């Protein structure tokens, strides 16, 4: 099917769903449920949480359908809603030490301070440090280290060049290291 035919088909279903036809929305949901499930699982690494995120995505998208602009593809819109639902779940999780250690390792390079068990910082300190980052740095750190997204995926998600994402990640890590430096002493 050509891109235009897909957009026409989706627009038709969106129009019908906006007019209260639940079956039209169910068809749209069925079309994208598997890809949303895969996206959510890739981010959350937990099947139950991924299912919850997809369910929440579909509920939110159904409520927001009236504001969806006709002629636009549905997949990126649903994907963004799903990513936001996953982020909400990640924020609500209490991190266990094993996950934080993996994150700590990713924040350091070989030439930096090594994070051994005697000098590691706790999850709460790390979360507070991440929250103090500027919004755009915080978002890409979450996408890279919690969602395990590649730089190219982050660049597409935030509509920025790869070089910008790499630069922001570098700066964000420097800020985190500077902020967490007292925890290493």
Foldseek 3Di string as FASTA:
>chain_A
DDPQVQLVLLLVLLVVLVVPDVVSLVVVLVVCVVVQLVLLCLQQVDNVLSVVLSVVLSVVCSVCSVVDDRSDDPVLVSNLSSVVSSVVVVVVDDDDPVLVVQLVVVLDDPVDDDDDPVQHDDPVLLVVLLVPDPPVLSVLSSCCRRSVDDLVVVCVNVVHDSVVSVVSPVVSSVSSCVSCVVSRD
